N, C-alpha and C. Protein backbone atom coordinates (compact mmCIF):
# COMPACT_ATOMS: atom_id res chain seq x y z
N MET A 1 -15.03 1.53 -9.28
CA MET A 1 -15.45 0.69 -8.14
C MET A 1 -16.91 1.00 -7.80
N ALA A 2 -17.74 0.04 -7.68
CA ALA A 2 -19.13 0.20 -7.31
C ALA A 2 -19.26 0.71 -5.87
N ALA A 3 -20.28 1.55 -5.68
CA ALA A 3 -20.43 2.26 -4.40
C ALA A 3 -20.66 1.23 -3.20
N ASN A 4 -21.15 0.08 -3.54
CA ASN A 4 -21.39 -0.95 -2.52
C ASN A 4 -20.30 -1.86 -2.31
N ASP A 5 -19.22 -1.75 -3.01
CA ASP A 5 -18.02 -2.62 -2.86
C ASP A 5 -17.18 -2.13 -1.63
N ARG A 6 -16.70 -3.14 -0.98
CA ARG A 6 -15.81 -2.84 0.13
C ARG A 6 -14.34 -2.78 -0.29
N PRO A 7 -13.72 -1.67 -0.07
CA PRO A 7 -12.32 -1.62 -0.41
C PRO A 7 -11.44 -2.58 0.37
N GLN A 8 -10.40 -3.06 -0.20
CA GLN A 8 -9.49 -3.93 0.52
C GLN A 8 -8.41 -3.20 1.25
N ILE A 9 -7.83 -3.82 2.20
CA ILE A 9 -6.87 -3.20 3.10
C ILE A 9 -5.44 -3.54 2.57
N TYR A 10 -4.64 -2.52 2.55
CA TYR A 10 -3.23 -2.58 1.98
C TYR A 10 -2.36 -2.04 3.14
N LEU A 11 -1.63 -2.97 3.73
CA LEU A 11 -0.76 -2.61 4.90
C LEU A 11 0.58 -2.08 4.50
N VAL A 12 1.06 -1.02 5.16
CA VAL A 12 2.36 -0.46 4.97
C VAL A 12 3.16 -0.67 6.24
N THR A 13 4.34 -1.26 6.15
CA THR A 13 5.13 -1.55 7.32
C THR A 13 5.71 -0.28 8.01
N PRO A 14 6.10 -0.36 9.20
CA PRO A 14 6.89 0.80 9.80
C PRO A 14 8.21 0.98 9.03
N PRO A 15 8.79 2.18 9.19
CA PRO A 15 10.08 2.42 8.47
C PRO A 15 11.25 1.70 9.06
N ASP A 16 11.05 1.26 10.36
CA ASP A 16 12.18 0.53 11.01
C ASP A 16 11.56 -0.41 12.04
N PHE A 17 12.05 -1.70 12.01
CA PHE A 17 11.47 -2.70 12.93
C PHE A 17 12.50 -3.82 12.98
N ASP A 18 12.30 -4.65 14.08
CA ASP A 18 12.99 -5.88 14.22
C ASP A 18 12.21 -6.99 13.49
N PRO A 19 12.80 -7.68 12.49
CA PRO A 19 11.99 -8.60 11.70
C PRO A 19 11.34 -9.68 12.53
N ASP A 20 12.03 -10.26 13.50
CA ASP A 20 11.41 -11.28 14.30
C ASP A 20 10.22 -10.82 15.10
N ALA A 21 10.41 -9.71 15.86
CA ALA A 21 9.27 -9.17 16.64
C ALA A 21 8.15 -8.75 15.80
N PHE A 22 8.48 -8.08 14.62
CA PHE A 22 7.37 -7.51 13.82
C PHE A 22 6.65 -8.62 13.10
N SER A 23 7.32 -9.71 12.72
CA SER A 23 6.68 -10.87 12.13
C SER A 23 5.50 -11.31 12.97
N ALA A 24 5.69 -11.41 14.26
CA ALA A 24 4.62 -11.84 15.15
C ALA A 24 3.48 -10.85 15.18
N THR A 25 3.76 -9.60 15.18
CA THR A 25 2.83 -8.54 15.12
C THR A 25 1.99 -8.60 13.86
N LEU A 26 2.71 -8.75 12.81
CA LEU A 26 2.08 -8.79 11.45
C LEU A 26 1.15 -9.98 11.41
N ALA A 27 1.63 -11.15 11.86
CA ALA A 27 0.78 -12.37 11.82
C ALA A 27 -0.47 -12.07 12.60
N ALA A 28 -0.43 -11.46 13.70
CA ALA A 28 -1.71 -11.21 14.54
C ALA A 28 -2.59 -10.25 13.71
N VAL A 29 -2.01 -9.28 13.08
CA VAL A 29 -2.87 -8.40 12.25
C VAL A 29 -3.55 -9.15 11.17
N LEU A 30 -2.84 -9.97 10.41
CA LEU A 30 -3.35 -10.70 9.27
C LEU A 30 -4.39 -11.71 9.73
N ASP A 31 -4.23 -12.23 10.94
CA ASP A 31 -5.18 -13.17 11.43
C ASP A 31 -6.43 -12.56 11.99
N THR A 32 -6.47 -11.21 12.08
CA THR A 32 -7.54 -10.44 12.64
C THR A 32 -8.36 -9.81 11.61
N VAL A 33 -7.71 -9.28 10.53
CA VAL A 33 -8.41 -8.45 9.53
C VAL A 33 -7.89 -8.99 8.14
N ASP A 34 -8.81 -9.07 7.18
CA ASP A 34 -8.50 -9.45 5.88
C ASP A 34 -7.62 -8.36 5.24
N VAL A 35 -6.48 -8.76 4.72
CA VAL A 35 -5.54 -7.83 4.11
C VAL A 35 -5.22 -8.34 2.72
N ALA A 36 -5.21 -7.44 1.73
CA ALA A 36 -4.96 -7.87 0.35
C ALA A 36 -3.44 -7.81 -0.04
N CYS A 37 -2.67 -6.89 0.58
CA CYS A 37 -1.32 -6.72 0.18
C CYS A 37 -0.59 -6.02 1.28
N ILE A 38 0.77 -6.24 1.37
CA ILE A 38 1.61 -5.58 2.34
C ILE A 38 2.73 -4.92 1.54
N ARG A 39 3.10 -3.71 1.96
CA ARG A 39 4.22 -3.00 1.35
C ARG A 39 5.37 -2.95 2.34
N LEU A 40 6.50 -3.58 2.05
CA LEU A 40 7.71 -3.38 2.88
C LEU A 40 8.31 -2.07 2.58
N ALA A 41 8.24 -1.18 3.61
CA ALA A 41 8.64 0.22 3.31
C ALA A 41 9.66 0.66 4.36
N MET A 42 10.85 0.07 4.36
CA MET A 42 11.86 0.41 5.44
C MET A 42 12.64 1.67 4.96
N SER A 43 12.99 2.45 5.94
CA SER A 43 13.87 3.60 5.63
C SER A 43 15.33 3.23 5.42
N SER A 44 15.74 2.13 5.88
CA SER A 44 17.15 1.69 5.72
C SER A 44 17.57 1.60 4.28
N LYS A 45 18.80 1.81 3.91
CA LYS A 45 19.39 1.65 2.67
C LYS A 45 20.29 0.37 2.63
N ASP A 46 20.33 -0.34 3.72
CA ASP A 46 21.17 -1.50 3.79
C ASP A 46 20.45 -2.75 3.19
N ALA A 47 20.96 -3.20 2.10
CA ALA A 47 20.24 -4.30 1.40
C ALA A 47 20.18 -5.53 2.21
N ASP A 48 21.18 -5.85 3.01
CA ASP A 48 21.13 -7.04 3.84
C ASP A 48 20.04 -6.95 4.90
N GLN A 49 19.98 -5.73 5.55
CA GLN A 49 18.88 -5.56 6.54
C GLN A 49 17.48 -5.64 5.90
N ILE A 50 17.29 -5.00 4.77
CA ILE A 50 16.04 -5.06 4.10
C ILE A 50 15.71 -6.48 3.64
N GLY A 51 16.74 -7.20 3.15
CA GLY A 51 16.52 -8.53 2.74
C GLY A 51 16.14 -9.48 3.88
N ARG A 52 16.70 -9.32 5.05
CA ARG A 52 16.30 -10.11 6.18
C ARG A 52 14.84 -9.84 6.51
N ALA A 53 14.48 -8.63 6.52
CA ALA A 53 13.11 -8.26 6.75
C ALA A 53 12.16 -8.85 5.67
N ALA A 54 12.56 -8.80 4.44
CA ALA A 54 11.77 -9.31 3.32
C ALA A 54 11.58 -10.80 3.48
N ASP A 55 12.57 -11.49 3.85
CA ASP A 55 12.48 -12.94 4.02
C ASP A 55 11.48 -13.33 5.20
N ALA A 56 11.62 -12.60 6.23
CA ALA A 56 10.77 -12.81 7.41
C ALA A 56 9.30 -12.57 7.13
N LEU A 57 9.05 -11.43 6.49
CA LEU A 57 7.67 -11.06 6.19
C LEU A 57 7.05 -11.84 5.14
N ARG A 58 7.89 -12.32 4.14
CA ARG A 58 7.41 -13.20 3.03
C ARG A 58 6.74 -14.45 3.58
N LEU A 59 7.45 -15.03 4.60
CA LEU A 59 6.89 -16.25 5.15
C LEU A 59 5.54 -16.04 5.81
N VAL A 60 5.38 -14.93 6.52
CA VAL A 60 4.12 -14.63 7.17
C VAL A 60 3.09 -14.35 6.15
N ALA A 61 3.36 -13.49 5.16
CA ALA A 61 2.43 -13.06 4.16
C ALA A 61 1.95 -14.24 3.28
N HIS A 62 2.97 -15.00 2.78
CA HIS A 62 2.62 -16.01 1.78
C HIS A 62 1.89 -17.23 2.43
N ASP A 63 2.14 -17.44 3.73
CA ASP A 63 1.39 -18.46 4.44
C ASP A 63 -0.06 -18.18 4.52
N ARG A 64 -0.38 -16.90 4.39
CA ARG A 64 -1.79 -16.41 4.47
C ARG A 64 -2.32 -15.92 3.09
N ASP A 65 -1.59 -16.28 2.06
CA ASP A 65 -1.95 -15.88 0.67
C ASP A 65 -2.10 -14.34 0.55
N VAL A 66 -1.20 -13.63 1.15
CA VAL A 66 -1.22 -12.19 1.08
C VAL A 66 0.04 -11.73 0.25
N ALA A 67 -0.19 -10.87 -0.72
CA ALA A 67 0.90 -10.42 -1.51
C ALA A 67 1.84 -9.50 -0.75
N LEU A 68 3.12 -9.55 -1.06
CA LEU A 68 4.10 -8.66 -0.41
C LEU A 68 4.95 -7.95 -1.51
N VAL A 69 4.80 -6.64 -1.55
CA VAL A 69 5.65 -5.83 -2.43
C VAL A 69 6.59 -4.97 -1.66
N ILE A 70 7.62 -4.50 -2.31
CA ILE A 70 8.69 -3.81 -1.64
C ILE A 70 8.69 -2.34 -2.18
N ASP A 71 8.96 -1.39 -1.30
CA ASP A 71 9.03 0.09 -1.76
C ASP A 71 10.35 0.26 -2.39
N SER A 72 10.28 0.52 -3.73
CA SER A 72 11.42 1.05 -4.51
C SER A 72 12.52 0.07 -4.88
N HIS A 73 12.77 -0.83 -4.05
CA HIS A 73 13.97 -1.72 -4.24
C HIS A 73 13.76 -2.80 -5.25
N LEU A 74 13.74 -2.42 -6.53
CA LEU A 74 13.42 -3.30 -7.64
C LEU A 74 14.28 -4.55 -7.64
N ARG A 75 15.51 -4.39 -7.37
CA ARG A 75 16.51 -5.53 -7.50
C ARG A 75 16.27 -6.60 -6.44
N LEU A 76 15.54 -6.27 -5.37
CA LEU A 76 15.41 -7.18 -4.28
C LEU A 76 14.10 -8.06 -4.49
N VAL A 77 13.29 -7.72 -5.48
CA VAL A 77 12.04 -8.46 -5.64
C VAL A 77 12.26 -9.95 -5.94
N GLU A 78 13.01 -10.20 -6.99
CA GLU A 78 13.19 -11.62 -7.39
C GLU A 78 14.16 -12.35 -6.43
N ARG A 79 15.12 -11.55 -5.89
CA ARG A 79 16.12 -12.21 -4.99
C ARG A 79 15.44 -12.76 -3.80
N HIS A 80 14.36 -12.09 -3.34
CA HIS A 80 13.75 -12.53 -2.09
C HIS A 80 12.31 -13.07 -2.29
N GLY A 81 11.97 -13.41 -3.49
CA GLY A 81 10.67 -14.01 -3.78
C GLY A 81 9.49 -13.19 -3.46
N LEU A 82 9.63 -11.85 -3.73
CA LEU A 82 8.48 -11.00 -3.43
C LEU A 82 7.54 -10.89 -4.63
N ASP A 83 6.37 -10.25 -4.36
CA ASP A 83 5.40 -10.29 -5.45
C ASP A 83 5.45 -9.03 -6.41
N GLY A 84 6.21 -8.11 -6.02
CA GLY A 84 6.34 -6.92 -6.87
C GLY A 84 6.99 -5.70 -6.18
N VAL A 85 6.80 -4.56 -6.78
CA VAL A 85 7.46 -3.36 -6.31
C VAL A 85 6.47 -2.15 -6.27
N HIS A 86 6.63 -1.33 -5.31
CA HIS A 86 5.88 -0.09 -5.27
C HIS A 86 6.84 1.09 -5.54
N LEU A 87 6.58 1.82 -6.58
CA LEU A 87 7.50 2.89 -7.02
C LEU A 87 6.93 4.17 -6.49
N ALA A 88 7.82 4.93 -5.79
CA ALA A 88 7.51 6.10 -5.05
C ALA A 88 7.54 7.35 -5.96
N ASP A 89 7.99 7.18 -7.23
CA ASP A 89 8.22 8.33 -8.17
C ASP A 89 7.27 8.20 -9.34
N GLY A 90 6.07 7.81 -9.21
CA GLY A 90 5.12 7.78 -10.25
C GLY A 90 5.62 6.83 -11.41
N ALA A 91 5.52 7.32 -12.67
CA ALA A 91 5.81 6.50 -13.79
C ALA A 91 7.26 6.49 -14.20
N ARG A 92 8.03 7.23 -13.51
CA ARG A 92 9.49 7.49 -13.93
C ARG A 92 10.18 6.22 -14.28
N ASN A 93 10.10 5.16 -13.42
CA ASN A 93 10.86 3.97 -13.64
C ASN A 93 9.88 2.75 -13.86
N LEU A 94 8.70 3.10 -14.27
CA LEU A 94 7.69 2.02 -14.33
C LEU A 94 7.97 1.02 -15.46
N ARG A 95 8.29 1.52 -16.61
CA ARG A 95 8.52 0.64 -17.75
C ARG A 95 9.78 -0.24 -17.49
N GLU A 96 10.73 0.33 -16.83
CA GLU A 96 11.93 -0.42 -16.47
C GLU A 96 11.59 -1.55 -15.57
N ALA A 97 10.74 -1.31 -14.57
CA ALA A 97 10.35 -2.21 -13.49
C ALA A 97 9.51 -3.34 -14.22
N ARG A 98 8.65 -2.97 -15.03
CA ARG A 98 7.82 -4.01 -15.76
C ARG A 98 8.64 -4.92 -16.61
N LYS A 99 9.65 -4.32 -17.32
CA LYS A 99 10.52 -5.14 -18.15
C LYS A 99 11.38 -6.05 -17.30
N ALA A 100 11.79 -5.59 -16.16
CA ALA A 100 12.69 -6.39 -15.25
C ALA A 100 11.91 -7.53 -14.60
N LEU A 101 10.66 -7.24 -14.18
CA LEU A 101 9.97 -8.19 -13.39
C LEU A 101 8.99 -9.06 -14.13
N GLY A 102 8.58 -8.57 -15.31
CA GLY A 102 7.65 -9.46 -16.11
C GLY A 102 6.18 -9.07 -15.84
N ALA A 103 5.37 -9.63 -16.67
CA ALA A 103 3.91 -9.25 -16.70
C ALA A 103 3.24 -9.68 -15.45
N ASP A 104 3.73 -10.74 -14.74
CA ASP A 104 2.93 -11.28 -13.59
C ASP A 104 3.21 -10.55 -12.27
N ALA A 105 4.26 -9.80 -12.30
CA ALA A 105 4.60 -9.08 -10.99
C ALA A 105 3.70 -7.91 -10.78
N ILE A 106 3.50 -7.51 -9.56
CA ILE A 106 2.75 -6.32 -9.16
C ILE A 106 3.69 -5.11 -9.25
N VAL A 107 3.31 -4.14 -10.04
CA VAL A 107 4.03 -2.88 -10.12
C VAL A 107 3.04 -1.73 -9.86
N GLY A 108 3.21 -1.09 -8.70
CA GLY A 108 2.32 0.05 -8.32
C GLY A 108 3.06 1.33 -8.34
N ALA A 109 2.41 2.44 -8.36
CA ALA A 109 3.07 3.79 -8.47
C ALA A 109 2.32 4.70 -7.57
N PHE A 110 3.12 5.47 -6.77
CA PHE A 110 2.57 6.56 -5.95
C PHE A 110 2.68 7.79 -6.73
N CYS A 111 1.58 8.51 -6.89
CA CYS A 111 1.53 9.66 -7.74
C CYS A 111 1.06 10.98 -7.03
N GLY A 112 1.22 10.98 -5.70
CA GLY A 112 0.87 12.16 -4.96
C GLY A 112 -0.59 12.58 -5.10
N THR A 113 -0.76 13.78 -5.58
CA THR A 113 -2.11 14.29 -5.82
C THR A 113 -2.36 14.59 -7.31
N SER A 114 -1.50 14.12 -8.16
CA SER A 114 -1.56 14.44 -9.58
C SER A 114 -2.31 13.50 -10.44
N ARG A 115 -3.39 13.98 -11.05
CA ARG A 115 -4.13 13.18 -12.02
C ARG A 115 -3.27 12.81 -13.16
N HIS A 116 -2.49 13.78 -13.65
CA HIS A 116 -1.62 13.63 -14.82
C HIS A 116 -0.59 12.50 -14.57
N ASP A 117 0.11 12.55 -13.40
CA ASP A 117 1.00 11.52 -13.12
C ASP A 117 0.37 10.11 -12.99
N GLY A 118 -0.82 10.11 -12.39
CA GLY A 118 -1.51 8.90 -12.31
C GLY A 118 -1.86 8.30 -13.65
N MET A 119 -2.41 9.11 -14.51
CA MET A 119 -2.71 8.62 -15.88
C MET A 119 -1.51 8.17 -16.65
N THR A 120 -0.37 8.91 -16.46
CA THR A 120 0.85 8.49 -17.16
C THR A 120 1.33 7.12 -16.65
N ALA A 121 1.27 6.97 -15.32
CA ALA A 121 1.67 5.60 -14.77
C ALA A 121 0.71 4.47 -15.21
N ALA A 122 -0.60 4.80 -15.21
CA ALA A 122 -1.54 3.82 -15.70
C ALA A 122 -1.27 3.41 -17.13
N GLU A 123 -0.98 4.34 -17.99
CA GLU A 123 -0.70 4.07 -19.38
C GLU A 123 0.61 3.31 -19.56
N ALA A 124 1.48 3.50 -18.60
CA ALA A 124 2.81 2.83 -18.63
C ALA A 124 2.68 1.39 -18.11
N GLY A 125 1.51 1.02 -17.59
CA GLY A 125 1.32 -0.38 -17.18
C GLY A 125 1.28 -0.69 -15.71
N ALA A 126 0.98 0.31 -14.89
CA ALA A 126 0.90 0.19 -13.50
C ALA A 126 -0.28 -0.71 -13.09
N ASP A 127 -0.13 -1.57 -12.20
CA ASP A 127 -1.21 -2.41 -11.67
C ASP A 127 -2.15 -1.64 -10.74
N TYR A 128 -1.61 -0.64 -10.08
CA TYR A 128 -2.42 0.19 -9.22
C TYR A 128 -1.70 1.59 -9.17
N ILE A 129 -2.59 2.62 -8.85
CA ILE A 129 -2.06 4.00 -8.62
C ILE A 129 -2.41 4.33 -7.18
N SER A 130 -1.44 4.93 -6.42
CA SER A 130 -1.66 5.36 -5.07
C SER A 130 -1.61 6.93 -5.07
N PHE A 131 -2.64 7.46 -4.39
CA PHE A 131 -2.71 8.90 -4.20
C PHE A 131 -2.66 9.17 -2.69
N GLY A 132 -2.02 10.31 -2.34
CA GLY A 132 -1.99 10.67 -0.90
C GLY A 132 -1.06 11.87 -0.71
N PRO A 133 -1.06 12.36 0.51
CA PRO A 133 -1.83 11.87 1.63
C PRO A 133 -3.33 12.24 1.58
N ALA A 134 -4.13 11.31 1.99
CA ALA A 134 -5.56 11.55 2.02
C ALA A 134 -5.97 12.38 3.21
N GLY A 135 -5.15 12.38 4.30
CA GLY A 135 -5.49 13.12 5.45
C GLY A 135 -4.24 13.65 6.08
N GLY A 136 -4.37 14.50 7.02
CA GLY A 136 -3.21 15.07 7.67
C GLY A 136 -3.47 16.38 8.32
N LEU A 137 -2.47 16.98 8.90
CA LEU A 137 -2.61 18.27 9.59
C LEU A 137 -2.66 19.41 8.61
N LEU A 138 -3.45 20.48 8.98
CA LEU A 138 -3.55 21.65 8.08
C LEU A 138 -2.14 22.29 7.99
N GLY A 139 -1.81 22.71 6.80
CA GLY A 139 -0.54 23.33 6.63
C GLY A 139 0.56 22.42 6.25
N ALA A 140 0.20 21.09 6.14
CA ALA A 140 1.29 20.09 5.90
C ALA A 140 1.43 19.82 4.39
N GLY A 141 0.81 20.60 3.58
CA GLY A 141 0.85 20.40 2.13
C GLY A 141 -0.44 19.94 1.57
N ALA A 142 -0.40 19.79 0.24
CA ALA A 142 -1.61 19.44 -0.56
C ALA A 142 -2.14 18.03 -0.15
N LEU A 143 -3.39 17.88 -0.04
CA LEU A 143 -4.04 16.62 0.23
C LEU A 143 -4.61 16.00 -1.02
N ALA A 144 -4.68 14.68 -1.08
CA ALA A 144 -5.40 14.03 -2.14
C ALA A 144 -6.95 13.96 -1.71
N GLU A 145 -7.70 14.91 -2.29
CA GLU A 145 -9.08 15.06 -1.87
C GLU A 145 -9.95 13.90 -2.40
N ARG A 146 -11.13 13.71 -1.77
CA ARG A 146 -12.02 12.70 -2.17
C ARG A 146 -12.41 12.79 -3.59
N ASP A 147 -12.55 14.06 -4.11
CA ASP A 147 -12.95 14.24 -5.52
C ASP A 147 -11.92 13.61 -6.47
N LEU A 148 -10.63 13.60 -6.10
CA LEU A 148 -9.67 12.90 -6.98
C LEU A 148 -9.97 11.45 -7.12
N PHE A 149 -10.22 10.79 -5.97
CA PHE A 149 -10.54 9.34 -5.99
C PHE A 149 -11.84 9.07 -6.68
N ALA A 150 -12.84 9.96 -6.52
CA ALA A 150 -14.09 9.72 -7.20
C ALA A 150 -13.93 9.86 -8.68
N TRP A 151 -13.25 10.86 -9.12
CA TRP A 151 -12.93 11.00 -10.59
C TRP A 151 -12.29 9.83 -11.11
N TRP A 152 -11.18 9.36 -10.44
CA TRP A 152 -10.39 8.21 -10.95
C TRP A 152 -11.20 6.94 -11.02
N SER A 153 -11.98 6.70 -9.91
CA SER A 153 -12.79 5.49 -9.98
C SER A 153 -13.84 5.47 -11.04
N GLU A 154 -14.36 6.66 -11.42
CA GLU A 154 -15.34 6.77 -12.50
C GLU A 154 -14.71 6.67 -13.88
N MET A 155 -13.51 7.25 -14.04
CA MET A 155 -12.96 7.44 -15.35
C MET A 155 -11.88 6.36 -15.71
N ILE A 156 -11.20 5.82 -14.74
CA ILE A 156 -10.03 4.95 -15.01
C ILE A 156 -10.25 3.58 -14.42
N GLU A 157 -9.87 2.52 -15.19
CA GLU A 157 -10.11 1.20 -14.69
C GLU A 157 -8.95 0.64 -13.73
N VAL A 158 -7.82 1.22 -13.83
CA VAL A 158 -6.77 0.81 -12.99
C VAL A 158 -7.06 1.04 -11.49
N PRO A 159 -6.94 0.10 -10.63
CA PRO A 159 -7.22 0.22 -9.26
C PRO A 159 -6.54 1.40 -8.58
N VAL A 160 -7.16 1.97 -7.61
CA VAL A 160 -6.66 3.18 -6.89
C VAL A 160 -6.50 2.88 -5.41
N VAL A 161 -5.39 3.40 -4.84
CA VAL A 161 -5.10 3.21 -3.38
C VAL A 161 -5.12 4.60 -2.79
N ALA A 162 -5.81 4.72 -1.62
CA ALA A 162 -5.85 5.94 -0.83
C ALA A 162 -4.84 5.71 0.36
N GLU A 163 -3.93 6.59 0.58
CA GLU A 163 -2.99 6.43 1.62
C GLU A 163 -2.61 7.72 2.32
N GLY A 164 -2.17 7.60 3.60
CA GLY A 164 -1.70 8.72 4.33
C GLY A 164 -2.73 9.41 5.22
N GLY A 165 -2.67 9.24 6.53
CA GLY A 165 -3.50 9.96 7.44
C GLY A 165 -4.92 9.43 7.38
N ILE A 166 -5.13 8.09 7.26
CA ILE A 166 -6.46 7.57 7.23
C ILE A 166 -7.10 7.52 8.60
N THR A 167 -8.29 8.11 8.70
CA THR A 167 -9.02 8.00 9.95
C THR A 167 -10.35 7.34 9.71
N ARG A 168 -11.01 7.09 10.76
CA ARG A 168 -12.35 6.40 10.57
C ARG A 168 -13.29 7.29 9.72
N ASP A 169 -13.30 8.62 10.00
CA ASP A 169 -14.15 9.49 9.24
C ASP A 169 -13.74 9.52 7.77
N LEU A 170 -12.44 9.61 7.50
CA LEU A 170 -11.96 9.69 6.15
C LEU A 170 -12.30 8.31 5.46
N LEU A 171 -12.10 7.25 6.17
CA LEU A 171 -12.32 5.89 5.64
C LEU A 171 -13.76 5.79 5.12
N ALA A 172 -14.67 6.26 5.92
CA ALA A 172 -16.05 6.10 5.52
C ALA A 172 -16.35 6.93 4.28
N GLY A 173 -15.72 8.06 4.13
CA GLY A 173 -15.91 8.83 2.85
C GLY A 173 -15.22 8.26 1.68
N LEU A 174 -14.01 7.71 1.82
CA LEU A 174 -13.28 7.22 0.71
C LEU A 174 -13.66 5.84 0.30
N ALA A 175 -14.28 5.08 1.17
CA ALA A 175 -14.59 3.68 0.90
C ALA A 175 -15.36 3.43 -0.44
N PRO A 176 -16.31 4.29 -0.73
CA PRO A 176 -17.09 4.04 -2.04
C PRO A 176 -16.30 4.39 -3.28
N VAL A 177 -15.15 5.12 -3.16
CA VAL A 177 -14.46 5.58 -4.34
C VAL A 177 -12.96 5.16 -4.41
N THR A 178 -12.64 4.15 -3.62
CA THR A 178 -11.29 3.61 -3.67
C THR A 178 -11.34 2.06 -3.73
N ASP A 179 -10.32 1.47 -4.27
CA ASP A 179 -10.22 0.02 -4.32
C ASP A 179 -9.46 -0.51 -3.10
N PHE A 180 -8.43 0.23 -2.67
CA PHE A 180 -7.66 -0.14 -1.54
C PHE A 180 -7.40 1.02 -0.62
N LEU A 181 -7.35 0.77 0.69
CA LEU A 181 -7.02 1.75 1.71
C LEU A 181 -5.77 1.32 2.36
N ALA A 182 -4.74 2.25 2.24
CA ALA A 182 -3.41 1.85 2.79
C ALA A 182 -3.38 2.37 4.28
N VAL A 183 -2.93 1.45 5.08
CA VAL A 183 -2.87 1.75 6.57
C VAL A 183 -1.51 1.33 7.08
N GLY A 184 -0.89 2.16 7.83
CA GLY A 184 0.44 1.79 8.37
C GLY A 184 0.68 2.50 9.76
N ASP A 185 1.17 3.81 9.61
CA ASP A 185 1.43 4.54 10.81
C ASP A 185 0.15 4.69 11.74
N GLU A 186 -1.04 4.58 11.10
CA GLU A 186 -2.23 4.73 11.88
C GLU A 186 -2.35 3.59 12.88
N ILE A 187 -1.74 2.50 12.81
CA ILE A 187 -1.92 1.37 13.75
C ILE A 187 -0.66 0.95 14.39
N TRP A 188 0.55 1.11 13.84
CA TRP A 188 1.76 0.49 14.41
C TRP A 188 2.17 1.08 15.72
N GLY A 189 1.80 2.30 15.98
CA GLY A 189 2.13 2.85 17.29
C GLY A 189 1.17 2.49 18.43
N LYS A 190 0.15 1.75 18.09
CA LYS A 190 -0.76 1.41 19.14
C LYS A 190 -0.28 0.16 19.92
N ASP A 191 -0.87 0.02 21.13
CA ASP A 191 -0.49 -1.14 21.98
C ASP A 191 -0.86 -2.41 21.32
N ASN A 192 -1.98 -2.48 20.55
CA ASN A 192 -2.36 -3.68 19.92
C ASN A 192 -2.80 -3.33 18.46
N PRO A 193 -1.81 -3.41 17.50
CA PRO A 193 -2.09 -2.99 16.17
C PRO A 193 -3.26 -3.78 15.53
N ALA A 194 -3.39 -5.07 15.91
CA ALA A 194 -4.43 -5.85 15.26
C ALA A 194 -5.79 -5.28 15.66
N SER A 195 -5.94 -4.97 16.92
CA SER A 195 -7.17 -4.44 17.44
C SER A 195 -7.42 -3.01 16.83
N ALA A 196 -6.34 -2.29 16.68
CA ALA A 196 -6.42 -0.92 16.17
C ALA A 196 -6.96 -0.96 14.70
N LEU A 197 -6.42 -1.89 13.94
CA LEU A 197 -6.88 -1.98 12.57
C LEU A 197 -8.33 -2.45 12.46
N ARG A 198 -8.63 -3.47 13.38
CA ARG A 198 -10.06 -3.93 13.34
C ARG A 198 -11.00 -2.79 13.74
N ASP A 199 -10.68 -1.92 14.62
CA ASP A 199 -11.50 -0.85 15.01
C ASP A 199 -11.57 0.21 13.94
N LEU A 200 -10.39 0.41 13.25
CA LEU A 200 -10.42 1.41 12.18
C LEU A 200 -11.29 1.12 11.06
N VAL A 201 -11.32 -0.17 10.67
CA VAL A 201 -12.10 -0.66 9.49
C VAL A 201 -13.47 -1.22 9.87
N ALA A 202 -13.88 -1.09 11.08
CA ALA A 202 -15.11 -1.67 11.55
C ALA A 202 -16.33 -1.10 10.68
N GLY A 203 -16.23 0.18 10.36
CA GLY A 203 -17.31 0.81 9.59
C GLY A 203 -17.48 0.31 8.19
N LEU A 204 -16.54 -0.40 7.67
CA LEU A 204 -16.63 -0.96 6.29
C LEU A 204 -17.60 -2.04 6.14
N GLY A 205 -18.04 -2.68 7.27
CA GLY A 205 -18.99 -3.73 7.22
C GLY A 205 -18.28 -5.09 6.98
């Protein structure tokens, strides 16, 4: 990624929400800030509950030409007309996902802080690699440092996503070396998530 390129925003949903109420909130966010992709990342294991959320968010996202992927639930992608899947376990199920969904679907992989896992997923056909957490409290475990994103952007063509604990300061440092910045918990707890996201990314230009 060129240093003067502006990374795109990749939204991650809250782990639990009412589809009707959240659809309105999401619409306001998408109408305020340009977003490239949304990840439906519910903590529920109830396929019907996740499916209702997927149907509601798909309408909002696709009306605005924004891609919607789902976290881990490969079998729900085609059933609910989604654009792809985000795999939380690196390359482990990537070939299976690609075979099931076909070449046109988005298949992304979260690889923690591991260059090796990232390269393995990229070689297996991932459309993007996600590293994180990029920020967080001291003592909370290993962070995906800026050097990891800089190395990846210089050496690997597959797009890279920075996620987890994104702040304005972190965002400014990561912007030149990432293709996407994933934002979720950073804004959903605010009174006005749309304004919160606009303020967070204001420094991107």
